[in-house]
Amino acid sequence: MGAPGVTAAVILGGGRARRLDGADKAAVEVAGGPLVDRVYAAVRPCDPVIAVGPATLARAGLRVVREEPPWSGPAAAVAAGVAALPA
């Protein structure tokens, strides 16, 4: 169990975006910037921050991992994100 008061964040940023005609959901513009940057701003107090999805999610200060195999769904993405958390 982690230290009291410490909160990690696991962000699921992958997916095929079928309802968006395959657009990169994380890059969709919201209020003048990529959606993923708004998500990262919301979890800024968290440590660590793990993003699960493609390398385009990479930003300073967070780790990006991929579910195995890629595109295997949200349960696999959650499992990959949790596995990437420190003990």
C-alpha atoms as a PDB file:
ATOM      1  CA  MET A   1       0.000   0.000   0.000  1.00  0.00           C
ATOM      2  CA  GLY A   2       1.262   3.497  -0.857  1.00  0.00           C
ATOM      3  CA  ALA A   3       2.038   6.292   1.545  1.00  0.00           C
ATOM      4  CA  PRO A   4      -0.976   8.033   3.121  1.00  0.00           C
ATOM      5  CA  GLY A   5      -2.131  11.054   1.119  1.00  0.00           C
ATOM      6  CA  VAL A   6      -0.324   9.986  -2.054  1.00  0.00           C
ATOM      7  CA  THR A   7      -2.551   9.506  -5.079  1.00  0.00           C
ATOM      8  CA  ALA A   8      -1.524   8.038  -8.407  1.00  0.00           C
ATOM      9  CA  ALA A   9      -3.331   8.607 -11.699  1.00  0.00           C
ATOM     10  CA  VAL A  10      -3.744   6.133 -14.544  1.00  0.00           C
ATOM     11  CA  ILE A  11      -4.983   7.762 -17.750  1.00  0.00           C
ATOM     12  CA  LEU A  12      -6.403   5.668 -20.572  1.00  0.00           C
ATOM     13  CA  GLY A  13      -5.516   7.536 -23.734  1.00  0.00           C
ATOM     14  CA  GLY A  14      -5.703   4.892 -26.421  1.00  0.00           C
ATOM     15  CA  GLY A  15      -8.532   3.355 -28.358  1.00  0.00           C
ATOM     16  CA  ARG A  16      -9.491   3.275 -31.986  1.00  0.00           C
ATOM     17  CA  ALA A  17     -11.902   6.247 -31.818  1.00  0.00           C
ATOM     18  CA  ARG A  18     -14.405   4.651 -34.164  1.00  0.00           C
ATOM     19  CA  ARG A  19     -17.029   7.265 -33.273  1.00  0.00           C
ATOM     20  CA  LEU A  20     -14.522   9.988 -34.222  1.00  0.00           C
ATOM     21  CA  ASP A  21     -13.653   8.426 -37.573  1.00  0.00           C
ATOM     22  CA  GLY A  22     -10.340   7.218 -36.141  1.00  0.00           C
ATOM     23  CA  ALA A  23      -9.140  10.643 -34.963  1.00  0.00           C
ATOM     24  CA  ASP A  24      -6.533  10.757 -32.203  1.00  0.00           C
ATOM     25  CA  LYS A  25      -8.860  11.404 -29.248  1.00  0.00           C
ATOM     26  CA  ALA A  26      -6.071  12.764 -27.084  1.00  0.00           C
ATOM     27  CA  ALA A  27      -5.214  15.372 -29.726  1.00  0.00           C
ATOM     28  CA  VAL A  28      -8.781  16.638 -30.199  1.00  0.00           C
ATOM     29  CA  GLU A  29      -8.781  20.398 -29.552  1.00  0.00           C
ATOM     30  CA  VAL A  30     -10.718  21.538 -26.481  1.00  0.00           C
ATOM     31  CA  ALA A  31     -10.578  25.160 -25.333  1.00  0.00           C
ATOM     32  CA  GLY A  32      -7.549  25.873 -27.515  1.00  0.00           C
ATOM     33  CA  GLY A  33      -5.428  22.844 -26.677  1.00  0.00           C
ATOM     34  CA  PRO A  34      -5.253  19.070 -26.923  1.00  0.00           C
ATOM     35  CA  LEU A  35      -7.740  17.203 -24.734  1.00  0.00           C
ATOM     36  CA  VAL A  36      -4.945  15.163 -23.165  1.00  0.00           C
ATOM     37  CA  ASP A  37      -3.286  18.324 -21.839  1.00  0.00           C
ATOM     38  CA  ARG A  38      -6.506  19.220 -20.004  1.00  0.00           C
ATOM     39  CA  VAL A  39      -6.577  15.738 -18.487  1.00  0.00           C
ATOM     40  CA  TYR A  40      -2.944  16.037 -17.412  1.00  0.00           C
ATOM     41  CA  ALA A  41      -3.656  19.430 -15.824  1.00  0.00           C
ATOM     42  CA  ALA A  42      -6.485  17.860 -13.813  1.00  0.00           C
ATOM     43  CA  VAL A  43      -4.190  15.190 -12.358  1.00  0.00           C
ATOM     44  CA  ARG A  44      -1.139  17.422 -11.853  1.00  0.00           C
ATOM     45  CA  PRO A  45      -1.134  16.893  -8.047  1.00  0.00           C
ATOM     46  CA  CYS A  46      -0.953  13.121  -8.523  1.00  0.00           C
ATOM     47  CA  ASP A  47       2.279  11.198  -8.331  1.00  0.00           C
ATOM     48  CA  PRO A  48       2.956   9.114 -10.275  1.00  0.00           C
ATOM     49  CA  VAL A  49       0.979   9.739 -13.451  1.00  0.00           C
ATOM     50  CA  ILE A  50       0.845   6.788 -15.842  1.00  0.00           C
ATOM     51  CA  ALA A  51      -0.681   7.181 -19.321  1.00  0.00           C
ATOM     52  CA  VAL A  52      -1.693   4.064 -21.228  1.00  0.00           C
ATOM     53  CA  GLY A  53      -1.742   4.371 -25.003  1.00  0.00           C
ATOM     54  CA  PRO A  54       0.374   5.498 -27.949  1.00  0.00           C
ATOM     55  CA  ALA A  55       3.658   7.387 -27.666  1.00  0.00           C
ATOM     56  CA  THR A  56       1.874  10.616 -28.698  1.00  0.00           C
ATOM     57  CA  LEU A  57       0.654  10.819 -25.078  1.00  0.00           C
ATOM     58  CA  ALA A  58       4.189  11.470 -23.839  1.00  0.00           C
ATOM     59  CA  ARG A  59       4.751  14.609 -21.802  1.00  0.00           C
ATOM     60  CA  ALA A  60       7.435  15.575 -19.318  1.00  0.00           C
ATOM     61  CA  GLY A  61       6.915  14.111 -15.868  1.00  0.00           C
ATOM     62  CA  LEU A  62       4.806  11.115 -16.748  1.00  0.00           C
ATOM     63  CA  ARG A  63       5.306   7.593 -17.925  1.00  0.00           C
ATOM     64  CA  VAL A  64       3.578   6.131 -21.001  1.00  0.00           C
ATOM     65  CA  VAL A  65       2.976   2.397 -21.235  1.00  0.00           C
ATOM     66  CA  ARG A  66       1.022   0.262 -23.679  1.00  0.00           C
ATOM     67  CA  GLU A  67      -1.476  -2.509 -23.043  1.00  0.00           C
ATOM     68  CA  GLU A  68      -0.477  -5.867 -24.450  1.00  0.00           C
ATOM     69  CA  PRO A  69      -1.478  -6.507 -27.113  1.00  0.00           C
ATOM     70  CA  PRO A  70      -2.217  -2.965 -28.298  1.00  0.00           C
ATOM     71  CA  TRP A  71      -5.899  -2.220 -28.894  1.00  0.00           C
ATOM     72  CA  SER A  72      -6.981  -4.992 -26.507  1.00  0.00           C
ATOM     73  CA  GLY A  73      -9.462  -2.807 -24.664  1.00  0.00           C
ATOM     74  CA  PRO A  74      -9.918  -0.783 -21.502  1.00  0.00           C
ATOM     75  CA  ALA A  75      -9.547  -3.690 -19.048  1.00  0.00           C
ATOM     76  CA  ALA A  76      -6.124  -4.516 -20.509  1.00  0.00           C
ATOM     77  CA  ALA A  77      -5.224  -0.810 -20.421  1.00  0.00           C
ATOM     78  CA  VAL A  78      -6.170  -0.515 -16.739  1.00  0.00           C
ATOM     79  CA  ALA A  79      -4.136  -3.648 -15.987  1.00  0.00           C
ATOM     80  CA  ALA A  80      -1.105  -2.208 -17.811  1.00  0.00           C
ATOM     81  CA  GLY A  81      -1.423   1.104 -15.991  1.00  0.00           C
ATOM     82  CA  VAL A  82      -1.739  -0.509 -12.569  1.00  0.00           C
ATOM     83  CA  ALA A  83       1.190  -2.829 -13.327  1.00  0.00           C
ATOM     84  CA  ALA A  84       3.321   0.234 -14.112  1.00  0.00           C
ATOM     85  CA  LEU A  85       2.688   1.779 -10.695  1.00  0.00           C
ATOM     86  CA  PRO A  86       5.510   1.516  -8.169  1.00  0.00           C
ATOM     87  CA  ALA A  87       5.041  -0.999  -5.367  1.00  0.00           C
END
